Amino acid sequence: MRLGLVLFGAGRAGTIHLNNVARNRRIDLLYVVEDDIAKAEKALESTGIATAKVVDSRCTEDVLSDSAVQFVIVATPTHTHEKIVRAALHAKKGVFCEKPIAKSIDAVVQIYNEAARVGKPLFCAFQRRFDPNFVDVRDRMRKGEIGKLHVIKTCSRDSPSPSIEYVRTSGGFFVDSSVHDIDLVCWIVGELPITIQAQAHAFRRDIADAGDVDTIAIVMKFPSGVIAQIDMSRYSSYGYDQRIEVHGDKGMIIAANAKRSTVTRFSPLGECSDVLLHSFPQRYQYAYENELDHFVDVMLGEKELISTKKDAVAVMKIAKICEESYQTSKVIKFQAEF
């Protein structure tokens, strides 16, 4: 069975999904909704998909009323997500949405409740859960290869640095980016934190002037005693830096940075290896493919969503508490109430 799809957005994230849709034999892309028609047509042409129709956002209601459409992918700017997701659920379509689903926690809860009411899956896309390296780390830890987990550390440093225009509309570094690391840590540990503390700073003057930060350090403690440390930056001069380390009483597991080549040359002058991957589309290529496959499985009734309402709400709450902790210089207790 091939599922009819509407893709909202043909920007960076939208193009990633567009390329994956083109390779997925279980999906029929019927529409691309993008106000920059020329950009969308160019992106569509590069995939070789000849049957999809490009329309602007004024046609949203029309494309959602098409009975051939089973689900949508929302990859538009953050501030537009809530309106599109609500419209898609109202039309009884499954929804695959880039984070966040909405800007407020109350709105996220309401939208998930609406998805349950209409009986359609709603997926907040935390793609790191689908990265083969991180999945391997989680599986090995859960199998007991390092014994009892004590500490988990993640490092996330962006390349290239985002434009100030993006920063101004991102919703803030905590909510925009730390949610990925928070979700990954909680997913691997299998718990939600009990205390949260965060520090942050803006080294870039334009980011400071925009009222945001570009460097973050988060510490969370979990009921089992596990301590998590998250190290984040908006800028990495040497490539897209994404690492994770888990330490237990019987050993340690590390997922190192990905590179174009694993070849290393040794000489009297030292070691020489390839540079890190440039940015997130390259680093998480397989994660994006895998999460799309997962959602198709869910739409076809073959699997249950591995990212739920509880996960999306908890991660958003934790990110906002991190921001509060930074602003107040306090350690804040977290209570998982949904």
C-alpha atoms as a PDB file:
ATOM      1  CA  MET A   1       0.000   0.000   0.000  1.00  0.00           C
ATOM      2  CA  ARG A   2       1.242   3.474  -0.901  1.00  0.00           C
ATOM      3  CA  LEU A   3       0.275   6.357   1.379  1.00  0.00           C
ATOM      4  CA  GLY A   4      -0.703   9.746  -0.048  1.00  0.00           C
ATOM      5  CA  LEU A   5       1.378  12.575   1.421  1.00  0.00           C
ATOM      6  CA  VAL A   6       1.331  16.365   1.657  1.00  0.00           C
ATOM      7  CA  LEU A   7       4.699  17.940   2.477  1.00  0.00           C
ATOM      8  CA  PHE A   8       4.485  21.366   4.086  1.00  0.00           C
ATOM      9  CA  GLY A   9       7.709  23.320   3.572  1.00  0.00           C
ATOM     10  CA  ALA A  10      10.593  23.033   1.108  1.00  0.00           C
ATOM     11  CA  GLY A  11      13.367  24.619   3.179  1.00  0.00           C
ATOM     12  CA  ARG A  12      16.286  22.782   4.796  1.00  0.00           C
ATOM     13  CA  ALA A  13      14.243  20.236   6.734  1.00  0.00           C
ATOM     14  CA  GLY A  14      11.632  19.982   4.006  1.00  0.00           C
ATOM     15  CA  THR A  15      14.258  19.173   1.399  1.00  0.00           C
ATOM     16  CA  ILE A  16      15.669  16.404   3.587  1.00  0.00           C
ATOM     17  CA  HIS A  17      12.232  14.823   3.871  1.00  0.00           C
ATOM     18  CA  LEU A  18      11.534  15.365   0.175  1.00  0.00           C
ATOM     19  CA  ASN A  19      14.622  13.381  -0.807  1.00  0.00           C
ATOM     20  CA  ASN A  20      13.711  10.568   1.580  1.00  0.00           C
ATOM     21  CA  VAL A  21      10.133  10.478   0.323  1.00  0.00           C
ATOM     22  CA  ALA A  22      11.461  10.132  -3.223  1.00  0.00           C
ATOM     23  CA  ARG A  23      13.312   6.972  -2.180  1.00  0.00           C
ATOM     24  CA  ASN A  24      10.446   5.485  -0.203  1.00  0.00           C
ATOM     25  CA  ARG A  25       8.306   3.114  -2.260  1.00  0.00           C
ATOM     26  CA  ARG A  26       5.469   3.166   0.266  1.00  0.00           C
ATOM     27  CA  ILE A  27       4.720   6.872  -0.202  1.00  0.00           C
ATOM     28  CA  ASP A  28       3.021   8.845  -2.977  1.00  0.00           C
ATOM     29  CA  LEU A  29       3.866  12.525  -2.682  1.00  0.00           C
ATOM     30  CA  LEU A  30       0.752  14.320  -3.907  1.00  0.00           C
ATOM     31  CA  TYR A  31       1.378  17.953  -2.885  1.00  0.00           C
ATOM     32  CA  VAL A  32       4.157  20.249  -1.711  1.00  0.00           C
ATOM     33  CA  VAL A  33       2.811  23.319   0.101  1.00  0.00           C
ATOM     34  CA  GLU A  34       5.338  26.160  -0.057  1.00  0.00           C
ATOM     35  CA  ASP A  35       4.832  29.894  -0.541  1.00  0.00           C
ATOM     36  CA  ASP A  36       8.089  30.128  -2.496  1.00  0.00           C
ATOM     37  CA  ILE A  37       6.771  28.199  -5.475  1.00  0.00           C
ATOM     38  CA  ALA A  38       9.983  28.431  -7.497  1.00  0.00           C
ATOM     39  CA  LYS A  39      12.060  27.037  -4.633  1.00  0.00           C
ATOM     40  CA  ALA A  40       9.671  24.132  -4.153  1.00  0.00           C
ATOM     41  CA  GLU A  41       9.539  23.329  -7.868  1.00  0.00           C
ATOM     42  CA  LYS A  42      13.322  23.317  -8.051  1.00  0.00           C
ATOM     43  CA  ALA A  43      13.577  21.009  -5.033  1.00  0.00           C
ATOM     44  CA  LEU A  44      10.918  18.719  -6.444  1.00  0.00           C
ATOM     45  CA  GLU A  45      12.598  18.583  -9.845  1.00  0.00           C
ATOM     46  CA  SER A  46      15.862  17.428  -8.253  1.00  0.00           C
ATOM     47  CA  THR A  47      14.110  14.342  -6.814  1.00  0.00           C
ATOM     48  CA  GLY A  48      12.626  13.158 -10.085  1.00  0.00           C
ATOM     49  CA  ILE A  49       9.088  13.095  -8.652  1.00  0.00           C
ATOM     50  CA  ALA A  50       6.890  14.160 -11.546  1.00  0.00           C
ATOM     51  CA  THR A  51       3.377  13.680 -10.167  1.00  0.00           C
ATOM     52  CA  ALA A  52       3.330  15.992  -7.121  1.00  0.00           C
ATOM     53  CA  LYS A  53       1.681  19.387  -7.355  1.00  0.00           C
ATOM     54  CA  VAL A  54       3.261  22.514  -5.828  1.00  0.00           C
ATOM     55  CA  VAL A  55       0.817  24.969  -4.230  1.00  0.00           C
ATOM     56  CA  ASP A  56       1.073  27.840  -1.760  1.00  0.00           C
ATOM     57  CA  SER A  57      -0.308  27.947   1.776  1.00  0.00           C
ATOM     58  CA  ARG A  58      -3.604  29.450   0.613  1.00  0.00           C
ATOM     59  CA  CYS A  59      -4.429  25.987  -0.731  1.00  0.00           C
ATOM     60  CA  THR A  60      -3.965  24.213   2.622  1.00  0.00           C
ATOM     61  CA  GLU A  61      -7.642  23.465   3.143  1.00  0.00           C
ATOM     62  CA  ASP A  62      -8.011  22.160  -0.411  1.00  0.00           C
ATOM     63  CA  VAL A  63      -5.101  19.713  -0.229  1.00  0.00           C
ATOM     64  CA  LEU A  64      -6.153  18.459   3.206  1.00  0.00           C
ATOM     65  CA  SER A  65      -9.656  17.764   1.891  1.00  0.00           C
ATOM     66  CA  ASP A  66      -8.241  15.418  -0.766  1.00  0.00           C
ATOM     67  CA  SER A  67      -9.308  11.889   0.227  1.00  0.00           C
ATOM     68  CA  ALA A  68      -6.143  10.489  -1.402  1.00  0.00           C
ATOM     69  CA  VAL A  69      -4.036  12.155   1.311  1.00  0.00           C
ATOM     70  CA  GLN A  70      -3.390   9.950   4.361  1.00  0.00           C
ATOM     71  CA  PHE A  71      -0.725  11.956   6.171  1.00  0.00           C
ATOM     72  CA  VAL A  72       1.289  15.167   6.225  1.00  0.00           C
ATOM     73  CA  ILE A  73       4.857  16.137   7.029  1.00  0.00           C
ATOM     74  CA  VAL A  74       5.205  19.576   8.619  1.00  0.00           C
ATOM     75  CA  ALA A  75       8.631  21.112   7.972  1.00  0.00           C
ATOM     76  CA  THR A  76       7.730  24.789   7.866  1.00  0.00           C
ATOM     77  CA  PRO A  77       9.044  27.568  10.151  1.00  0.00           C
ATOM     78  CA  THR A  78       8.375  26.919  13.846  1.00  0.00           C
ATOM     79  CA  HIS A  79       5.682  29.561  14.312  1.00  0.00           C
ATOM     80  CA  THR A  80       3.483  27.919  11.636  1.00  0.00           C
ATOM     81  CA  HIS A  81       3.483  24.365  13.035  1.00  0.00           C
ATOM     82  CA  GLU A  82       0.495  24.610  15.363  1.00  0.00           C
ATOM     83  CA  LYS A  83      -1.910  25.957  12.757  1.00  0.00           C
ATOM     84  CA  ILE A  84      -0.953  23.332  10.164  1.00  0.00           C
ATOM     85  CA  VAL A  85      -1.044  20.437  12.627  1.00  0.00           C
ATOM     86  CA  ARG A  86      -4.469  21.441  13.911  1.00  0.00           C
ATOM     87  CA  ALA A  87      -5.802  21.739  10.363  1.00  0.00           C
ATOM     88  CA  ALA A  88      -4.405  18.327   9.405  1.00  0.00           C
ATOM     89  CA  LEU A  89      -5.938  16.620  12.445  1.00  0.00           C
ATOM     90  CA  HIS A  90      -9.245  18.373  11.776  1.00  0.00           C
ATOM     91  CA  ALA A  91      -9.091  16.788   8.312  1.00  0.00           C
ATOM     92  CA  LYS A  92      -8.319  13.425   9.971  1.00  0.00           C
ATOM     93  CA  LYS A  93      -4.808  13.029   8.575  1.00  0.00           C
ATOM     94  CA  GLY A  94      -1.807  11.502  10.322  1.00  0.00           C
ATOM     95  CA  VAL A  95       0.835  14.077  11.248  1.00  0.00           C
ATOM     96  CA  PHE A  96       4.634  13.890  11.188  1.00  0.00           C
ATOM     97  CA  CYS A  97       5.873  17.223  12.547  1.00  0.00           C
ATOM     98  CA  GLU A  98       9.293  18.698  13.115  1.00  0.00           C
ATOM     99  CA  LYS A  99       9.671  19.970  16.675  1.00  0.00           C
ATOM    100  CA  PRO A 100       7.981  21.776  18.241  1.00  0.00           C
ATOM    101  CA  ILE A 101       4.367  20.922  17.570  1.00  0.00           C
ATOM    102  CA  ALA A 102       3.379  24.225  19.178  1.00  0.00           C
ATOM    103  CA  LYS A 103       5.068  26.987  21.153  1.00  0.00           C
ATOM    104  CA  SER A 104       3.249  26.465  24.454  1.00  0.00           C
ATOM    105  CA  ILE A 105       2.962  23.338  26.584  1.00  0.00           C
ATOM    106  CA  ASP A 106      -0.810  23.760  26.918  1.00  0.00           C
ATOM    107  CA  ALA A 107      -1.170  23.870  23.133  1.00  0.00           C
ATOM    108  CA  VAL A 108       0.954  20.738  22.701  1.00  0.00           C
ATOM    109  CA  VAL A 109      -1.244  18.870  25.203  1.00  0.00           C
ATOM    110  CA  GLN A 110      -4.419  20.059  23.468  1.00  0.00           C
ATOM    111  CA  ILE A 111      -3.160  18.988  20.054  1.00  0.00           C
ATOM    112  CA  TYR A 112      -2.171  15.510  21.274  1.00  0.00           C
ATOM    113  CA  ASN A 113      -5.601  15.171  22.854  1.00  0.00           C
ATOM    114  CA  GLU A 114      -7.168  16.114  19.526  1.00  0.00           C
ATOM    115  CA  ALA A 115      -5.054  13.498  17.729  1.00  0.00           C
ATOM    116  CA  ALA A 116      -6.303  10.869  20.176  1.00  0.00           C
ATOM    117  CA  ARG A 117      -9.896  12.035  19.664  1.00  0.00           C
ATOM    118  CA  VAL A 118      -9.740  11.694  15.876  1.00  0.00           C
ATOM    119  CA  GLY A 119      -7.707   8.476  16.088  1.00  0.00           C
ATOM    120  CA  LYS A 120      -4.739   9.630  14.025  1.00  0.00           C
ATOM    121  CA  PRO A 121      -1.023   9.330  14.892  1.00  0.00           C
ATOM    122  CA  LEU A 122       0.845  12.508  15.830  1.00  0.00           C
ATOM    123  CA  PHE A 123       4.630  12.270  15.744  1.00  0.00           C
ATOM    124  CA  CYS A 124       6.981  14.917  17.095  1.00  0.00           C
ATOM    125  CA  ALA A 125      10.124  14.111  15.135  1.00  0.00           C
ATOM    126  CA  PHE A 126      13.122  13.703  17.442  1.00  0.00           C
ATOM    127  CA  GLN A 127      15.346  12.136  14.807  1.00  0.00           C
ATOM    128  CA  ARG A 128      18.228  11.237  17.137  1.00  0.00           C
ATOM    129  CA  ARG A 129      16.208   8.304  18.461  1.00  0.00           C
ATOM    130  CA  PHE A 130      16.616   6.818  14.990  1.00  0.00           C
ATOM    131  CA  ASP A 131      20.355   7.370  14.545  1.00  0.00           C
ATOM    132  CA  PRO A 132      21.982   3.906  14.257  1.00  0.00           C
ATOM    133  CA  ASN A 133      24.895   4.907  16.519  1.00  0.00           C
ATOM    134  CA  PHE A 134      22.704   6.220  19.331  1.00  0.00           C
ATOM    135  CA  VAL A 135      20.341   3.255  19.023  1.00  0.00           C
ATOM    136  CA  ASP A 136      23.364   0.971  19.410  1.00  0.00           C
ATOM    137  CA  VAL A 137      24.501   2.877  22.518  1.00  0.00           C
ATOM    138  CA  ARG A 138      21.047   2.530  24.080  1.00  0.00           C
ATOM    139  CA  ASP A 139      20.741  -1.153  23.214  1.00  0.00           C
ATOM    140  CA  ARG A 140      24.188  -1.979  24.610  1.00  0.00           C
ATOM    141  CA  MET A 141      23.519  -0.051  27.801  1.00  0.00           C
ATOM    142  CA  ARG A 142      20.130  -1.737  28.249  1.00  0.00           C
ATOM    143  CA  LYS A 143      21.758  -5.160  27.770  1.00  0.00           C
ATOM    144  CA  GLY A 144      24.028  -4.448  30.721  1.00  0.00           C
ATOM    145  CA  GLU A 145      27.325  -4.193  28.854  1.00  0.00           C
ATOM    146  CA  ILE A 146      28.516  -1.381  31.141  1.00  0.00           C
ATOM    147  CA  GLY A 147      26.673  -2.507  34.265  1.00  0.00           C
ATOM    148  CA  LYS A 148      24.761   0.073  36.267  1.00  0.00           C
ATOM    149  CA  LEU A 149      24.632   3.434  34.505  1.00  0.00           C
ATOM    150  CA  HIS A 150      26.231   6.308  36.440  1.00  0.00           C
ATOM    151  CA  VAL A 151      26.824   9.192  34.017  1.00  0.00           C
ATOM    152  CA  ILE A 152      25.669  10.143  30.521  1.00  0.00           C
ATOM    153  CA  LYS A 153      27.186  13.032  28.563  1.00  0.00           C
ATOM    154  CA  THR A 154      26.196  14.566  25.241  1.00  0.00           C
ATOM    155  CA  CYS A 155      27.945  17.187  23.143  1.00  0.00           C
ATOM    156  CA  SER A 156      26.106  19.117  20.419  1.00  0.00           C
ATOM    157  CA  ARG A 157      27.866  21.947  18.594  1.00  0.00           C
ATOM    158  CA  ASP A 158      26.340  23.371  15.440  1.00  0.00           C
ATOM    159  CA  SER A 159      27.966  23.820  12.063  1.00  0.00           C
ATOM    160  CA  PRO A 160      27.502  26.201  10.428  1.00  0.00           C
ATOM    161  CA  SER A 161      26.446  28.851  12.915  1.00  0.00           C
ATOM    162  CA  PRO A 162      22.798  29.853  12.296  1.00  0.00           C
ATOM    163  CA  SER A 163      21.897  33.214  10.844  1.00  0.00           C
ATOM    164  CA  ILE A 164      20.660  35.899  13.194  1.00  0.00           C
ATOM    165  CA  GLU A 165      17.364  35.866  11.266  1.00  0.00           C
ATOM    166  CA  TYR A 166      16.916  32.219  12.233  1.00  0.00           C
ATOM    167  CA  VAL A 167      17.900  32.872  15.851  1.00  0.00           C
ATOM    168  CA  ARG A 168      15.298  35.636  16.189  1.00  0.00           C
ATOM    169  CA  THR A 169      12.461  33.295  15.167  1.00  0.00           C
ATOM    170  CA  SER A 170      13.785  30.060  16.713  1.00  0.00           C
ATOM    171  CA  GLY A 171      12.079  30.411  20.073  1.00  0.00           C
ATOM    172  CA  GLY A 172      15.413  30.456  21.900  1.00  0.00           C
ATOM    173  CA  PHE A 173      18.392  28.095  22.038  1.00  0.00           C
ATOM    174  CA  PHE A 174      16.973  26.044  24.911  1.00  0.00           C
ATOM    175  CA  VAL A 175      13.624  25.269  23.282  1.00  0.00           C
ATOM    176  CA  ASP A 176      15.004  25.204  19.736  1.00  0.00           C
ATOM    177  CA  SER A 177      17.992  22.900  20.202  1.00  0.00           C
ATOM    178  CA  SER A 178      18.459  21.491  23.700  1.00  0.00           C
ATOM    179  CA  VAL A 179      15.219  19.526  23.278  1.00  0.00           C
ATOM    180  CA  HIS A 180      17.070  17.058  21.040  1.00  0.00           C
ATOM    181  CA  ASP A 181      19.713  16.296  23.652  1.00  0.00           C
ATOM    182  CA  ILE A 182      17.180  16.243  26.484  1.00  0.00           C
ATOM    183  CA  ASP A 183      15.012  13.759  24.579  1.00  0.00           C
ATOM    184  CA  LEU A 184      18.008  11.592  23.696  1.00  0.00           C
ATOM    185  CA  VAL A 185      19.271  11.480  27.284  1.00  0.00           C
ATOM    186  CA  CYS A 186      15.859  10.681  28.780  1.00  0.00           C
ATOM    187  CA  TRP A 187      15.256   8.017  26.122  1.00  0.00           C
ATOM    188  CA  ILE A 188      18.563   6.283  26.808  1.00  0.00           C
ATOM    189  CA  VAL A 189      18.298   6.519  30.599  1.00  0.00           C
ATOM    190  CA  GLY A 190      14.638   5.460  30.522  1.00  0.00           C
ATOM    191  CA  GLU A 191      13.632   8.015  33.158  1.00  0.00           C
ATOM    192  CA  LEU A 192      12.718  11.658  33.563  1.00  0.00           C
ATOM    193  CA  PRO A 193      14.926  13.895  35.731  1.00  0.00           C
ATOM    194  CA  ILE A 194      14.154  14.989  39.273  1.00  0.00           C
ATOM    195  CA  THR A 195      16.435  18.053  39.371  1.00  0.00           C
ATOM    196  CA  ILE A 196      17.672  20.372  36.627  1.00  0.00           C
ATOM    197  CA  GLN A 197      20.334  23.079  36.527  1.00  0.00           C
ATOM    198  CA  ALA A 198      21.564  25.112  33.555  1.00  0.00           C
ATOM    199  CA  GLN A 199      24.123  27.772  32.744  1.00  0.00           C
ATOM    200  CA  ALA A 200      24.385  29.718  29.498  1.00  0.00           C
ATOM    201  CA  HIS A 201      26.112  32.637  27.799  1.00  0.00           C
ATOM    202  CA  ALA A 202      26.035  34.578  24.535  1.00  0.00           C
ATOM    203  CA  PHE A 203      29.484  35.007  23.008  1.00  0.00           C
ATOM    204  CA  ARG A 204      28.063  36.376  19.755  1.00  0.00           C
ATOM    205  CA  ARG A 205      27.027  39.997  20.194  1.00  0.00           C
ATOM    206  CA  ASP A 206      24.167  39.777  17.693  1.00  0.00           C
ATOM    207  CA  ILE A 207      22.722  36.770  19.544  1.00  0.00           C
ATOM    208  CA  ALA A 208      23.013  38.603  22.863  1.00  0.00           C
ATOM    209  CA  ASP A 209      21.267  41.609  21.312  1.00  0.00           C
ATOM    210  CA  ALA A 210      18.476  39.270  20.185  1.00  0.00           C
ATOM    211  CA  GLY A 211      18.002  38.195  23.806  1.00  0.00           C
ATOM    212  CA  ASP A 212      19.295  34.665  23.293  1.00  0.00           C
ATOM    213  CA  VAL A 213      22.367  32.585  24.203  1.00  0.00           C
ATOM    214  CA  ASP A 214      24.764  30.535  22.102  1.00  0.00           C
ATOM    215  CA  THR A 215      26.447  28.299  24.691  1.00  0.00           C
ATOM    216  CA  ILE A 216      24.656  26.031  27.188  1.00  0.00           C
ATOM    217  CA  ALA A 217      25.595  23.580  29.938  1.00  0.00           C
ATOM    218  CA  ILE A 218      22.841  21.466  31.530  1.00  0.00           C
ATOM    219  CA  VAL A 219      23.064  19.046  34.465  1.00  0.00           C
ATOM    220  CA  MET A 220      20.174  16.724  35.301  1.00  0.00           C
ATOM    221  CA  LYS A 221      19.850  14.099  38.026  1.00  0.00           C
ATOM    222  CA  PHE A 222      17.524  11.113  37.644  1.00  0.00           C
ATOM    223  CA  PRO A 223      15.647   9.003  40.229  1.00  0.00           C
ATOM    224  CA  SER A 224      18.139   6.145  39.781  1.00  0.00           C
ATOM    225  CA  GLY A 225      21.002   8.495  40.649  1.00  0.00           C
ATOM    226  CA  VAL A 226      22.223   8.853  37.058  1.00  0.00           C
ATOM    227  CA  ILE A 227      23.722  12.258  36.304  1.00  0.00           C
ATOM    228  CA  ALA A 228      23.413  13.723  32.800  1.00  0.00           C
ATOM    229  CA  GLN A 229      25.587  16.489  31.381  1.00  0.00           C
ATOM    230  CA  ILE A 230      24.672  18.311  28.170  1.00  0.00           C
ATOM    231  CA  ASP A 231      27.200  20.586  26.438  1.00  0.00           C
ATOM    232  CA  MET A 232      25.870  22.731  23.583  1.00  0.00           C
ATOM    233  CA  SER A 233      27.065  25.517  21.309  1.00  0.00           C
ATOM    234  CA  ARG A 234      25.608  27.355  18.322  1.00  0.00           C
ATOM    235  CA  TYR A 235      29.011  27.270  16.640  1.00  0.00           C
ATOM    236  CA  SER A 236      31.721  24.732  15.880  1.00  0.00           C
ATOM    237  CA  SER A 237      34.604  25.889  13.668  1.00  0.00           C
ATOM    238  CA  TYR A 238      35.712  22.328  12.901  1.00  0.00           C
ATOM    239  CA  GLY A 239      32.460  20.722  11.724  1.00  0.00           C
ATOM    240  CA  TYR A 240      29.239  19.318  13.159  1.00  0.00           C
ATOM    241  CA  ASP A 241      30.211  17.988  16.596  1.00  0.00           C
ATOM    242  CA  GLN A 242      27.826  15.325  17.946  1.00  0.00           C
ATOM    243  CA  ARG A 243      29.101  12.905  20.586  1.00  0.00           C
ATOM    244  CA  ILE A 244      27.718  10.835  23.435  1.00  0.00           C
ATOM    245  CA  GLU A 245      29.314   8.955  26.321  1.00  0.00           C
ATOM    246  CA  VAL A 246      27.684   6.605  28.838  1.00  0.00           C
ATOM    247  CA  HIS A 247      29.633   5.423  31.882  1.00  0.00           C
ATOM    248  CA  GLY A 248      28.700   2.581  34.209  1.00  0.00           C
ATOM    249  CA  ASP A 249      30.277   0.523  36.968  1.00  0.00           C
ATOM    250  CA  LYS A 250      31.498  -2.081  34.457  1.00  0.00           C
ATOM    251  CA  GLY A 251      32.687   0.108  31.593  1.00  0.00           C
ATOM    252  CA  MET A 252      31.928   2.901  29.175  1.00  0.00           C
ATOM    253  CA  ILE A 253      30.399   3.282  25.723  1.00  0.00           C
ATOM    254  CA  ILE A 254      31.161   6.182  23.386  1.00  0.00           C
ATOM    255  CA  ALA A 255      29.536   7.172  20.100  1.00  0.00           C
ATOM    256  CA  ALA A 256      32.132   9.379  18.418  1.00  0.00           C
ATOM    257  CA  ASN A 257      31.719  11.951  15.673  1.00  0.00           C
ATOM    258  CA  ALA A 258      30.859  10.836  12.163  1.00  0.00           C
ATOM    259  CA  LYS A 259      33.266  11.566   9.308  1.00  0.00           C
ATOM    260  CA  ARG A 260      33.181  11.138   5.558  1.00  0.00           C
ATOM    261  CA  SER A 261      36.006   8.613   5.876  1.00  0.00           C
ATOM    262  CA  THR A 262      37.297   6.547   8.794  1.00  0.00           C
ATOM    263  CA  VAL A 263      40.807   6.359   7.271  1.00  0.00           C
ATOM    264  CA  THR A 264      43.615   7.836   9.391  1.00  0.00           C
ATOM    265  CA  ARG A 265      47.149   8.442   8.134  1.00  0.00           C
ATOM    266  CA  PHE A 266      50.070   8.197  10.562  1.00  0.00           C
ATOM    267  CA  SER A 267      53.451   9.882   9.987  1.00  0.00           C
ATOM    268  CA  PRO A 268      56.349  11.275  12.041  1.00  0.00           C
ATOM    269  CA  LEU A 269      54.325  14.503  12.228  1.00  0.00           C
ATOM    270  CA  GLY A 270      51.355  12.775  13.877  1.00  0.00           C
ATOM    271  CA  GLU A 271      47.910  11.584  12.816  1.00  0.00           C
ATOM    272  CA  CYS A 272      45.804  12.953   9.974  1.00  0.00           C
ATOM    273  CA  SER A 273      42.134  12.056   9.480  1.00  0.00           C
ATOM    274  CA  ASP A 274      39.143  13.420   7.605  1.00  0.00           C
ATOM    275  CA  VAL A 275      37.160  16.440   8.791  1.00  0.00           C
ATOM    276  CA  LEU A 276      33.823  16.071  10.559  1.00  0.00           C
ATOM    277  CA  LEU A 277      30.618  16.086   8.556  1.00  0.00           C
ATOM    278  CA  HIS A 278      29.518  19.619   7.708  1.00  0.00           C
ATOM    279  CA  SER A 279      26.035  19.868   9.263  1.00  0.00           C
ATOM    280  CA  PHE A 280      22.944  18.028  10.461  1.00  0.00           C
ATOM    281  CA  PRO A 281      21.606  16.832   7.055  1.00  0.00           C
ATOM    282  CA  GLN A 282      24.805  14.835   6.533  1.00  0.00           C
ATOM    283  CA  ARG A 283      25.232  13.686  10.145  1.00  0.00           C
ATOM    284  CA  TYR A 284      21.670  12.470  10.548  1.00  0.00           C
ATOM    285  CA  GLN A 285      21.026  11.205   7.032  1.00  0.00           C
ATOM    286  CA  TYR A 286      20.116   7.686   8.156  1.00  0.00           C
ATOM    287  CA  ALA A 287      18.200   8.933  11.194  1.00  0.00           C
ATOM    288  CA  TYR A 288      15.888  10.972   8.955  1.00  0.00           C
ATOM    289  CA  GLU A 289      15.357   7.975   6.667  1.00  0.00           C
ATOM    290  CA  ASN A 290      14.647   5.670   9.607  1.00  0.00           C
ATOM    291  CA  GLU A 291      12.164   7.985  11.325  1.00  0.00           C
ATOM    292  CA  LEU A 292      10.174   8.321   8.096  1.00  0.00           C
ATOM    293  CA  ASP A 293      10.089   4.533   7.709  1.00  0.00           C
ATOM    294  CA  HIS A 294       8.952   4.261  11.317  1.00  0.00           C
ATOM    295  CA  PHE A 295       6.056   6.661  10.769  1.00  0.00           C
ATOM    296  CA  VAL A 296       4.961   4.808   7.626  1.00  0.00           C
ATOM    297  CA  ASP A 297       4.953   1.593   9.677  1.00  0.00           C
ATOM    298  CA  VAL A 298       2.766   3.349  12.241  1.00  0.00           C
ATOM    299  CA  MET A 299       0.398   4.648   9.561  1.00  0.00           C
ATOM    300  CA  LEU A 300       0.076   1.116   8.192  1.00  0.00           C
ATOM    301  CA  GLY A 301      -0.680  -0.270  11.656  1.00  0.00           C
ATOM    302  CA  GLU A 302       2.533  -2.293  11.835  1.00  0.00           C
ATOM    303  CA  LYS A 303       4.145  -0.467  14.789  1.00  0.00           C
ATOM    304  CA  GLU A 304       3.367   1.847  17.703  1.00  0.00           C
ATOM    305  CA  LEU A 305       4.937   5.301  17.895  1.00  0.00           C
ATOM    306  CA  ILE A 306       8.121   5.309  19.956  1.00  0.00           C
ATOM    307  CA  SER A 307       7.791   9.048  20.611  1.00  0.00           C
ATOM    308  CA  THR A 308       4.583   9.838  22.462  1.00  0.00           C
ATOM    309  CA  LYS A 309       2.607  12.695  23.990  1.00  0.00           C
ATOM    310  CA  LYS A 310       4.343  12.069  27.315  1.00  0.00           C
ATOM    311  CA  ASP A 311       7.770  12.359  25.670  1.00  0.00           C
ATOM    312  CA  ALA A 312       7.003  15.544  23.733  1.00  0.00           C
ATOM    313  CA  VAL A 313       5.406  17.301  26.703  1.00  0.00           C
ATOM    314  CA  ALA A 314       8.132  16.248  29.147  1.00  0.00           C
ATOM    315  CA  VAL A 315      10.947  17.392  26.856  1.00  0.00           C
ATOM    316  CA  MET A 316       9.328  20.775  26.301  1.00  0.00           C
ATOM    317  CA  LYS A 317       8.768  21.228  30.048  1.00  0.00           C
ATOM    318  CA  ILE A 318      12.369  20.298  30.818  1.00  0.00           C
ATOM    319  CA  ALA A 319      13.716  22.718  28.183  1.00  0.00           C
ATOM    320  CA  LYS A 320      11.673  25.559  29.661  1.00  0.00           C
ATOM    321  CA  ILE A 321      12.890  24.660  33.172  1.00  0.00           C
ATOM    322  CA  CYS A 322      16.473  24.744  31.865  1.00  0.00           C
ATOM    323  CA  GLU A 323      15.854  28.259  30.603  1.00  0.00           C
ATOM    324  CA  GLU A 324      14.348  29.232  33.959  1.00  0.00           C
ATOM    325  CA  SER A 325      17.299  27.734  35.823  1.00  0.00           C
ATOM    326  CA  TYR A 326      19.737  29.762  33.747  1.00  0.00           C
ATOM    327  CA  GLN A 327      17.785  32.954  34.303  1.00  0.00           C
ATOM    328  CA  THR A 328      17.413  32.445  38.074  1.00  0.00           C
ATOM    329  CA  SER A 329      20.695  30.600  38.815  1.00  0.00           C
ATOM    330  CA  LYS A 330      18.696  27.954  40.692  1.00  0.00           C
ATOM    331  CA  VAL A 331      18.536  24.178  40.782  1.00  0.00           C
ATOM    332  CA  ILE A 332      14.905  23.374  39.952  1.00  0.00           C
ATOM    333  CA  LYS A 333      12.960  20.242  40.823  1.00  0.00           C
ATOM    334  CA  PHE A 334      11.031  18.554  38.029  1.00  0.00           C
ATOM    335  CA  GLN A 335       7.716  16.826  38.539  1.00  0.00           C
ATOM    336  CA  ALA A 336       6.392  14.717  35.681  1.00  0.00           C
ATOM    337  CA  GLU A 337       2.732  15.692  35.652  1.00  0.00           C
ATOM    338  CA  PHE A 338       0.753  15.211  32.439  1.00  0.00           C
END
